[in-house]
Every structure is written in structure tokens, then in C-alpha cells.
Amino acid sequence: MTDFIQLALYPQNLFLYGLLLAAIAYRKKGLWLLFLWFYLLGNSFLANQVRSWQQQQIQPATTLNQDRSREPGTLVVMGCGGSPSSLPACARNRLDHVVTLLADKPQPSGIVITTRHCTPYTDYLLQQGISGVIDCFDGGDNTYQEFYQLAERFTQVQPLLFVSSDYHGWRIQRLIEQHQLNGEFLAASTATFRPLNCPWHCWLTVNLSNYDFYAKLTTEWFSYASYRLSKRWLDWQE
């Protein structure tokens, strides 16, 4: 009970209960719709179901099950910003995932990184003892420009293993299919899909991290939708 009392006093839950009281007192459909929207998006149990469903859609891989008799694929690490002297947390997470994937596994035929500032990325991999050919180039300002450049560099038969944050998985899989690349998506896990603890009182509260989760999903969807709708008259390659 003490845990619920503490949760109930959080600002987002006070707002939730205030909305409920206002909807009951004024009996306005708009208030009821606002209450339901705020509750359904913030409810942890429902959000955890969406997290589970989304993970099943992207089917993230945790290991490289490569046959030693076959040609290993080329790892493609999607860039995540940064500066000439610093490595952002999202980029470090992706590179750490690469290090984990390559632990006691056959070395890939190469590692390709698409980012504007290559030095922090390559230095970090070398510090982790990753050997082999590391090719880093400026892929452009967004994921769509990166894929156009990757499609020009690689043939449709060359196996590619794309590494990016897990919440980018749906959009990257669509781009792999569009460019007809022989690619597989290897998700670097983030806190986005980490399920929240959901005891009985999760039905009576909302959690702000769920709004961040839905915001990332809708951003991914609308980004890809705007690209598909406008690529006929806009040049996304430059």
C-alpha cells in the first residue's frame, strides 16, 4: 500500500485522478476521451504488451550464428551522431553490441560504420580489441541517405548485418526490403523495450516512460511514412 501511495502522489498520477474527477463532475465527452487517452497510453500493463509485440516484430538477434564454412557477413553499424572528439551513449551502446556479437565468433568480412565523425567510433572498437577491416564514411544526414549509399556500395547477394538501436528495427527492416539488400537486423537493446514492473497497482497509475516509448514508435512510423510519401518528388539521396 505504501508503494501505491507514493506512486499516487507523482505529478502524472495526480493529473490522471484530476482528469477523472473532472470527467465525473462535468460529464463532458471530451474530458472522458482525454482521460482515456492519457490512461491507456501511460498504463504499464498495456504498454508492456505493446513492447512484447514490437520485439516479436523486429526479432532482435543476440548472437551471430554464423556457419564457419560460409562467408561471414559485413557488419553495418548505423551512425548515431557525436562530434570529432566524443562518442554519444547511443553509439557506444551499438558498438558494445558489436563487441558482444563478435566475442568468440568468426570475424566478419568487414565492419562498416555510417557516421560523419569516424574517429571516436573506430578508436572505440580498436580499444575493445576488434580486429579486421573497419570502413567508416559519412552516410549523410539521415538513415534514408545512409541506405542509398549502402545500396550503391554493396550488391544484393552480399550478406549484411545491420546494427542499430532496437526501436529503429521496424524502419530499418522496411529499408532493407526496399533496397533489396541481403540484410539482417541485429538489435542493440535499449531501455525503450525494457518491460516495467507491473504489480496490481499498475492498473491505477500511469508511467511517464511509457509516453517516451510511444513517442519513439510514432516518430519512427511518421518518419518512414513521410519518406515514402515524398520520395517521388523529393531527392532523399542528397
C-alpha atoms as a PDB file:
ATOM      1  CA  MET A   1       0.000   0.000   0.000  1.00  0.00           C
ATOM      2  CA  THR A   2       2.862   2.387   0.775  1.00  0.00           C
ATOM      3  CA  ASP A   3       4.224   1.861  -2.755  1.00  0.00           C
ATOM      4  CA  PHE A   4       0.858   2.783  -4.234  1.00  0.00           C
ATOM      5  CA  ILE A   5       0.557   5.906  -2.068  1.00  0.00           C
ATOM      6  CA  GLN A   6       3.974   7.059  -3.239  1.00  0.00           C
ATOM      7  CA  LEU A   7       3.051   6.422  -6.888  1.00  0.00           C
ATOM      8  CA  ALA A   8      -0.319   8.134  -6.489  1.00  0.00           C
ATOM      9  CA  LEU A   9       1.406  11.344  -5.406  1.00  0.00           C
ATOM     10  CA  TYR A  10       3.526  11.559  -8.566  1.00  0.00           C
ATOM     11  CA  PRO A  11       2.501  14.545 -10.734  1.00  0.00           C
ATOM     12  CA  GLN A  12       1.340  12.446 -13.692  1.00  0.00           C
ATOM     13  CA  ASN A  13      -0.937  10.385 -11.434  1.00  0.00           C
ATOM     14  CA  LEU A  14      -2.344  13.456  -9.678  1.00  0.00           C
ATOM     15  CA  PHE A  15      -3.170  14.771 -13.146  1.00  0.00           C
ATOM     16  CA  LEU A  16      -4.793  11.419 -14.018  1.00  0.00           C
ATOM     17  CA  TYR A  17      -7.010  11.477 -10.932  1.00  0.00           C
ATOM     18  CA  GLY A  18      -7.820  15.150 -11.511  1.00  0.00           C
ATOM     19  CA  LEU A  19      -8.963  14.326 -15.030  1.00  0.00           C
ATOM     20  CA  LEU A  20     -11.146  11.512 -13.694  1.00  0.00           C
ATOM     21  CA  LEU A  21     -12.798  13.785 -11.125  1.00  0.00           C
ATOM     22  CA  ALA A  22     -13.356  16.487 -13.760  1.00  0.00           C
ATOM     23  CA  ALA A  23     -14.888  13.978 -16.183  1.00  0.00           C
ATOM     24  CA  ILE A  24     -17.249  12.696 -13.483  1.00  0.00           C
ATOM     25  CA  ALA A  25     -18.183  16.180 -12.275  1.00  0.00           C
ATOM     26  CA  TYR A  26     -18.714  17.882 -15.637  1.00  0.00           C
ATOM     27  CA  ARG A  27     -19.823  14.819 -17.673  1.00  0.00           C
ATOM     28  CA  LYS A  28     -18.160  16.021 -20.853  1.00  0.00           C
ATOM     29  CA  LYS A  29     -17.254  13.549 -23.586  1.00  0.00           C
ATOM     30  CA  GLY A  30     -14.088  15.488 -24.308  1.00  0.00           C
ATOM     31  CA  LEU A  31     -12.872  15.072 -20.724  1.00  0.00           C
ATOM     32  CA  TRP A  32     -13.633  11.352 -20.811  1.00  0.00           C
ATOM     33  CA  LEU A  33     -11.717  10.970 -24.083  1.00  0.00           C
ATOM     34  CA  LEU A  34      -8.763  12.907 -22.679  1.00  0.00           C
ATOM     35  CA  PHE A  35      -8.798  10.773 -19.540  1.00  0.00           C
ATOM     36  CA  LEU A  36      -8.907   7.511 -21.527  1.00  0.00           C
ATOM     37  CA  TRP A  37      -6.147   8.663 -23.895  1.00  0.00           C
ATOM     38  CA  PHE A  38      -3.881   9.676 -21.012  1.00  0.00           C
ATOM     39  CA  TYR A  39      -4.600   6.479 -19.072  1.00  0.00           C
ATOM     40  CA  LEU A  40      -4.305   3.977 -21.922  1.00  0.00           C
ATOM     41  CA  LEU A  41      -1.004   5.383 -23.181  1.00  0.00           C
ATOM     42  CA  GLY A  42       0.502   5.542 -19.695  1.00  0.00           C
ATOM     43  CA  ASN A  43      -0.753   2.250 -18.288  1.00  0.00           C
ATOM     44  CA  SER A  44       2.233  -0.047 -17.749  1.00  0.00           C
ATOM     45  CA  PHE A  45       0.439  -3.344 -18.336  1.00  0.00           C
ATOM     46  CA  LEU A  46      -0.856  -2.291 -21.746  1.00  0.00           C
ATOM     47  CA  ALA A  47       2.468  -0.712 -22.708  1.00  0.00           C
ATOM     48  CA  ASN A  48       4.306  -3.910 -21.771  1.00  0.00           C
ATOM     49  CA  GLN A  49       2.057  -5.852 -24.152  1.00  0.00           C
ATOM     50  CA  VAL A  50       2.984  -3.447 -26.954  1.00  0.00           C
ATOM     51  CA  ARG A  51       6.671  -3.759 -26.031  1.00  0.00           C
ATOM     52  CA  SER A  52       6.449  -7.537 -26.275  1.00  0.00           C
ATOM     53  CA  TRP A  53       4.622  -7.373 -29.600  1.00  0.00           C
ATOM     54  CA  GLN A  54       7.121  -4.880 -31.009  1.00  0.00           C
ATOM     55  CA  GLN A  55      10.078  -7.048 -30.011  1.00  0.00           C
ATOM     56  CA  GLN A  56       8.497 -10.002 -31.793  1.00  0.00           C
ATOM     57  CA  GLN A  57       8.139  -7.883 -34.933  1.00  0.00           C
ATOM     58  CA  ILE A  58      11.787  -6.905 -35.149  1.00  0.00           C
ATOM     59  CA  GLN A  59      13.036 -10.295 -33.915  1.00  0.00           C
ATOM     60  CA  PRO A  60      16.291  -8.955 -32.451  1.00  0.00           C
ATOM     61  CA  ALA A  61      19.262 -11.319 -32.575  1.00  0.00           C
ATOM     62  CA  THR A  62      21.626 -11.704 -29.630  1.00  0.00           C
ATOM     63  CA  THR A  63      24.289 -13.892 -31.201  1.00  0.00           C
ATOM     64  CA  LEU A  64      25.888 -14.425 -34.559  1.00  0.00           C
ATOM     65  CA  ASN A  65      25.038 -17.971 -35.572  1.00  0.00           C
ATOM     66  CA  GLN A  66      27.427 -17.995 -38.475  1.00  0.00           C
ATOM     67  CA  ASP A  67      28.469 -21.159 -40.225  1.00  0.00           C
ATOM     68  CA  ARG A  68      32.275 -21.166 -40.360  1.00  0.00           C
ATOM     69  CA  SER A  69      32.124 -22.755 -43.826  1.00  0.00           C
ATOM     70  CA  ARG A  70      30.197 -19.797 -45.197  1.00  0.00           C
ATOM     71  CA  GLU A  71      31.346 -16.278 -45.900  1.00  0.00           C
ATOM     72  CA  PRO A  72      30.732 -14.122 -42.806  1.00  0.00           C
ATOM     73  CA  GLY A  73      28.541 -11.118 -43.319  1.00  0.00           C
ATOM     74  CA  THR A  74      29.595  -7.492 -43.210  1.00  0.00           C
ATOM     75  CA  LEU A  75      28.537  -5.693 -40.052  1.00  0.00           C
ATOM     76  CA  VAL A  76      26.949  -2.319 -40.787  1.00  0.00           C
ATOM     77  CA  VAL A  77      26.788  -0.050 -37.736  1.00  0.00           C
ATOM     78  CA  MET A  78      24.329   2.781 -38.301  1.00  0.00           C
ATOM     79  CA  GLY A  79      25.683   6.121 -37.106  1.00  0.00           C
ATOM     80  CA  CYS A  80      24.290   7.845 -34.044  1.00  0.00           C
ATOM     81  CA  GLY A  81      25.742  11.349 -34.193  1.00  0.00           C
ATOM     82  CA  GLY A  82      28.503  12.645 -31.978  1.00  0.00           C
ATOM     83  CA  SER A  83      31.403  15.020 -32.504  1.00  0.00           C
ATOM     84  CA  PRO A  84      35.016  14.691 -33.671  1.00  0.00           C
ATOM     85  CA  SER A  85      36.090  14.028 -30.075  1.00  0.00           C
ATOM     86  CA  SER A  86      33.109  12.420 -28.333  1.00  0.00           C
ATOM     87  CA  LEU A  87      31.011   9.280 -28.665  1.00  0.00           C
ATOM     88  CA  PRO A  88      27.320   9.558 -27.694  1.00  0.00           C
ATOM     89  CA  ALA A  89      25.707   6.954 -25.458  1.00  0.00           C
ATOM     90  CA  CYS A  90      23.585   5.509 -28.278  1.00  0.00           C
ATOM     91  CA  ALA A  91      26.671   4.957 -30.436  1.00  0.00           C
ATOM     92  CA  ARG A  92      28.571   3.338 -27.559  1.00  0.00           C
ATOM     93  CA  ASN A  93      25.622   1.021 -26.985  1.00  0.00           C
ATOM     94  CA  ARG A  94      25.683  -0.107 -30.625  1.00  0.00           C
ATOM     95  CA  LEU A  95      29.433  -0.624 -30.617  1.00  0.00           C
ATOM     96  CA  ASP A  96      29.235  -2.585 -27.356  1.00  0.00           C
ATOM     97  CA  HIS A  97      26.646  -4.775 -29.060  1.00  0.00           C
ATOM     98  CA  VAL A  98      29.105  -5.374 -31.896  1.00  0.00           C
ATOM     99  CA  VAL A  99      31.791  -6.370 -29.391  1.00  0.00           C
ATOM    100  CA  THR A 100      29.357  -8.799 -27.741  1.00  0.00           C
ATOM    101  CA  LEU A 101      28.323 -10.265 -31.089  1.00  0.00           C
ATOM    102  CA  LEU A 102      31.926 -10.890 -32.096  1.00  0.00           C
ATOM    103  CA  ALA A 103      33.006 -12.474 -28.823  1.00  0.00           C
ATOM    104  CA  ASP A 104      34.409 -15.940 -29.639  1.00  0.00           C
ATOM    105  CA  LYS A 105      32.793 -15.796 -33.071  1.00  0.00           C
ATOM    106  CA  PRO A 106      34.247 -15.721 -36.595  1.00  0.00           C
ATOM    107  CA  GLN A 107      35.370 -12.239 -37.532  1.00  0.00           C
ATOM    108  CA  PRO A 108      33.121 -10.593 -40.137  1.00  0.00           C
ATOM    109  CA  SER A 109      34.395  -9.834 -43.603  1.00  0.00           C
ATOM    110  CA  GLY A 110      34.397  -6.182 -42.519  1.00  0.00           C
ATOM    111  CA  ILE A 111      32.779  -3.565 -40.317  1.00  0.00           C
ATOM    112  CA  VAL A 112      31.154  -0.571 -41.967  1.00  0.00           C
ATOM    113  CA  ILE A 113      30.158   2.495 -39.961  1.00  0.00           C
ATOM    114  CA  THR A 114      27.988   5.249 -41.428  1.00  0.00           C
ATOM    115  CA  THR A 115      28.682   8.404 -39.461  1.00  0.00           C
ATOM    116  CA  ARG A 116      30.040  11.896 -40.009  1.00  0.00           C
ATOM    117  CA  HIS A 117      32.684  11.733 -37.273  1.00  0.00           C
ATOM    118  CA  CYS A 118      34.509   8.449 -37.656  1.00  0.00           C
ATOM    119  CA  THR A 119      37.457   8.779 -35.271  1.00  0.00           C
ATOM    120  CA  PRO A 120      35.590   8.183 -31.971  1.00  0.00           C
ATOM    121  CA  TYR A 121      33.825   5.146 -33.449  1.00  0.00           C
ATOM    122  CA  THR A 122      36.903   3.455 -34.865  1.00  0.00           C
ATOM    123  CA  ASP A 123      39.041   4.292 -31.827  1.00  0.00           C
ATOM    124  CA  TYR A 124      36.469   2.733 -29.510  1.00  0.00           C
ATOM    125  CA  LEU A 125      36.364  -0.517 -31.497  1.00  0.00           C
ATOM    126  CA  LEU A 126      40.145  -0.718 -31.580  1.00  0.00           C
ATOM    127  CA  GLN A 127      40.269  -0.165 -27.818  1.00  0.00           C
ATOM    128  CA  GLN A 128      37.919  -3.130 -27.404  1.00  0.00           C
ATOM    129  CA  GLY A 129      40.312  -5.352 -29.355  1.00  0.00           C
ATOM    130  CA  ILE A 130      38.236  -5.603 -32.534  1.00  0.00           C
ATOM    131  CA  SER A 131      40.438  -6.530 -35.463  1.00  0.00           C
ATOM    132  CA  GLY A 132      39.733  -6.609 -39.154  1.00  0.00           C
ATOM    133  CA  VAL A 133      38.824  -4.025 -41.738  1.00  0.00           C
ATOM    134  CA  ILE A 134      36.845  -1.067 -40.399  1.00  0.00           C
ATOM    135  CA  ASP A 135      35.424   1.163 -43.100  1.00  0.00           C
ATOM    136  CA  CYS A 136      33.824   4.391 -41.898  1.00  0.00           C
ATOM    137  CA  PHE A 137      32.233   7.026 -44.110  1.00  0.00           C
ATOM    138  CA  ASP A 138      29.795   9.921 -43.885  1.00  0.00           C
ATOM    139  CA  GLY A 139      26.471   8.365 -44.823  1.00  0.00           C
ATOM    140  CA  GLY A 140      24.533  11.618 -44.809  1.00  0.00           C
ATOM    141  CA  ASP A 141      22.136  13.464 -42.584  1.00  0.00           C
ATOM    142  CA  ASN A 142      19.605  10.669 -42.027  1.00  0.00           C
ATOM    143  CA  THR A 143      19.006   6.931 -42.265  1.00  0.00           C
ATOM    144  CA  TYR A 144      17.495   7.186 -45.750  1.00  0.00           C
ATOM    145  CA  GLN A 145      20.631   8.797 -47.207  1.00  0.00           C
ATOM    146  CA  GLU A 146      22.723   6.139 -45.478  1.00  0.00           C
ATOM    147  CA  PHE A 147      20.763   3.352 -47.151  1.00  0.00           C
ATOM    148  CA  TYR A 148      21.066   4.889 -50.605  1.00  0.00           C
ATOM    149  CA  GLN A 149      24.844   4.981 -50.183  1.00  0.00           C
ATOM    150  CA  LEU A 150      24.937   1.449 -48.792  1.00  0.00           C
ATOM    151  CA  ALA A 151      22.869   0.189 -51.741  1.00  0.00           C
ATOM    152  CA  GLU A 152      25.454   1.668 -54.111  1.00  0.00           C
ATOM    153  CA  ARG A 153      28.358   0.093 -52.235  1.00  0.00           C
ATOM    154  CA  PHE A 154      27.018  -3.453 -51.802  1.00  0.00           C
ATOM    155  CA  THR A 155      25.469  -5.991 -54.120  1.00  0.00           C
ATOM    156  CA  GLN A 156      22.162  -7.698 -53.440  1.00  0.00           C
ATOM    157  CA  VAL A 157      23.896 -11.020 -52.742  1.00  0.00           C
ATOM    158  CA  GLN A 158      26.434  -9.775 -50.212  1.00  0.00           C
ATOM    159  CA  PRO A 159      25.247 -10.606 -46.664  1.00  0.00           C
ATOM    160  CA  LEU A 160      24.899  -7.548 -44.433  1.00  0.00           C
ATOM    161  CA  LEU A 161      24.228  -7.447 -40.698  1.00  0.00           C
ATOM    162  CA  PHE A 162      22.738  -4.112 -39.657  1.00  0.00           C
ATOM    163  CA  VAL A 163      23.323  -2.964 -36.080  1.00  0.00           C
ATOM    164  CA  SER A 164      21.210  -0.171 -34.651  1.00  0.00           C
ATOM    165  CA  SER A 165      19.075   0.610 -31.611  1.00  0.00           C
ATOM    166  CA  ASP A 166      16.156  -1.769 -31.154  1.00  0.00           C
ATOM    167  CA  TYR A 167      13.461   0.878 -31.607  1.00  0.00           C
ATOM    168  CA  HIS A 168      14.805   1.588 -35.124  1.00  0.00           C
ATOM    169  CA  GLY A 169      14.234  -2.036 -36.110  1.00  0.00           C
ATOM    170  CA  TRP A 170      10.892  -1.710 -37.874  1.00  0.00           C
ATOM    171  CA  ARG A 171      12.055   1.178 -40.069  1.00  0.00           C
ATOM    172  CA  ILE A 172      15.404  -0.412 -40.911  1.00  0.00           C
ATOM    173  CA  GLN A 173      13.751  -3.663 -41.908  1.00  0.00           C
ATOM    174  CA  ARG A 174      11.475  -1.746 -44.290  1.00  0.00           C
ATOM    175  CA  LEU A 175      14.506  -0.028 -45.855  1.00  0.00           C
ATOM    176  CA  ILE A 176      16.366  -3.337 -46.233  1.00  0.00           C
ATOM    177  CA  GLU A 177      13.392  -4.687 -48.160  1.00  0.00           C
ATOM    178  CA  GLN A 178      13.009  -1.542 -50.260  1.00  0.00           C
ATOM    179  CA  HIS A 179      16.651  -1.557 -51.394  1.00  0.00           C
ATOM    180  CA  GLN A 180      16.531  -5.360 -51.853  1.00  0.00           C
ATOM    181  CA  LEU A 181      19.622  -5.903 -49.741  1.00  0.00           C
ATOM    182  CA  ASN A 182      20.598  -9.288 -48.353  1.00  0.00           C
ATOM    183  CA  GLY A 183      20.397  -7.908 -44.848  1.00  0.00           C
ATOM    184  CA  GLU A 184      19.506  -8.904 -41.317  1.00  0.00           C
ATOM    185  CA  PHE A 185      18.800  -6.591 -38.416  1.00  0.00           C
ATOM    186  CA  LEU A 186      20.693  -7.127 -35.156  1.00  0.00           C
ATOM    187  CA  ALA A 187      19.099  -5.027 -32.428  1.00  0.00           C
ATOM    188  CA  ALA A 188      21.210  -3.283 -29.817  1.00  0.00           C
ATOM    189  CA  SER A 189      18.995  -3.383 -26.744  1.00  0.00           C
ATOM    190  CA  THR A 190      17.980  -0.123 -25.088  1.00  0.00           C
ATOM    191  CA  ALA A 191      15.737   0.776 -22.169  1.00  0.00           C
ATOM    192  CA  THR A 192      12.922   1.502 -24.639  1.00  0.00           C
ATOM    193  CA  PHE A 193      11.667  -2.094 -24.763  1.00  0.00           C
ATOM    194  CA  ARG A 194      12.564  -2.989 -21.206  1.00  0.00           C
ATOM    195  CA  PRO A 195       9.269  -4.066 -19.552  1.00  0.00           C
ATOM    196  CA  LEU A 196       8.226  -2.135 -16.469  1.00  0.00           C
ATOM    197  CA  ASN A 197       7.442  -3.796 -13.181  1.00  0.00           C
ATOM    198  CA  CYS A 198       3.662  -4.139 -13.153  1.00  0.00           C
ATOM    199  CA  PRO A 199       2.066  -5.301  -9.873  1.00  0.00           C
ATOM    200  CA  TRP A 200      -1.609  -4.790  -9.080  1.00  0.00           C
ATOM    201  CA  HIS A 201      -1.348  -1.031  -8.669  1.00  0.00           C
ATOM    202  CA  CYS A 202      -0.075  -0.550 -12.243  1.00  0.00           C
ATOM    203  CA  TRP A 203      -3.748  -0.576 -13.289  1.00  0.00           C
ATOM    204  CA  LEU A 204      -4.367   2.524 -11.156  1.00  0.00           C
ATOM    205  CA  THR A 205      -1.360   4.600 -12.244  1.00  0.00           C
ATOM    206  CA  VAL A 206       0.480   5.798 -15.326  1.00  0.00           C
ATOM    207  CA  ASN A 207       4.210   5.890 -16.035  1.00  0.00           C
ATOM    208  CA  LEU A 208       5.968   8.660 -17.961  1.00  0.00           C
ATOM    209  CA  SER A 209       8.430   6.238 -19.573  1.00  0.00           C
ATOM    210  CA  ASN A 210       5.507   4.729 -21.479  1.00  0.00           C
ATOM    211  CA  TYR A 211       4.897   8.072 -23.183  1.00  0.00           C
ATOM    212  CA  ASP A 212       8.548   8.133 -24.247  1.00  0.00           C
ATOM    213  CA  PHE A 213       8.113   4.612 -25.614  1.00  0.00           C
ATOM    214  CA  TYR A 214       5.080   5.562 -27.702  1.00  0.00           C
ATOM    215  CA  ALA A 215       6.739   8.792 -28.807  1.00  0.00           C
ATOM    216  CA  LYS A 216       9.678   6.830 -30.241  1.00  0.00           C
ATOM    217  CA  LEU A 217       7.398   4.376 -32.025  1.00  0.00           C
ATOM    218  CA  THR A 218       5.248   7.096 -33.578  1.00  0.00           C
ATOM    219  CA  THR A 219       8.347   9.081 -34.556  1.00  0.00           C
ATOM    220  CA  GLU A 220       9.706   6.028 -36.371  1.00  0.00           C
ATOM    221  CA  TRP A 221       6.410   5.407 -38.150  1.00  0.00           C
ATOM    222  CA  PHE A 222       5.815   9.002 -39.217  1.00  0.00           C
ATOM    223  CA  SER A 223       9.434   9.371 -40.317  1.00  0.00           C
ATOM    224  CA  TYR A 224       9.119   6.385 -42.640  1.00  0.00           C
ATOM    225  CA  ALA A 225       5.647   7.432 -43.790  1.00  0.00           C
ATOM    226  CA  SER A 226       6.846  10.935 -44.709  1.00  0.00           C
ATOM    227  CA  TYR A 227       9.759   9.398 -46.610  1.00  0.00           C
ATOM    228  CA  ARG A 228       7.528   7.022 -48.580  1.00  0.00           C
ATOM    229  CA  LEU A 229       5.007   9.740 -49.404  1.00  0.00           C
ATOM    230  CA  SER A 230       7.545  12.310 -50.535  1.00  0.00           C
ATOM    231  CA  LYS A 231      10.330  10.281 -52.139  1.00  0.00           C
ATOM    232  CA  ARG A 232       8.646  10.587 -55.567  1.00  0.00           C
ATOM    233  CA  TRP A 233       9.197  14.360 -55.709  1.00  0.00           C
ATOM    234  CA  LEU A 234      11.980  14.925 -53.142  1.00  0.00           C
ATOM    235  CA  ASP A 235      15.561  13.787 -53.562  1.00  0.00           C
ATOM    236  CA  TRP A 236      16.308  11.856 -50.385  1.00  0.00           C
ATOM    237  CA  GLN A 237      19.727  10.797 -51.664  1.00  0.00           C
ATOM    238  CA  GLU A 238      21.298  14.193 -51.032  1.00  0.00           C
END
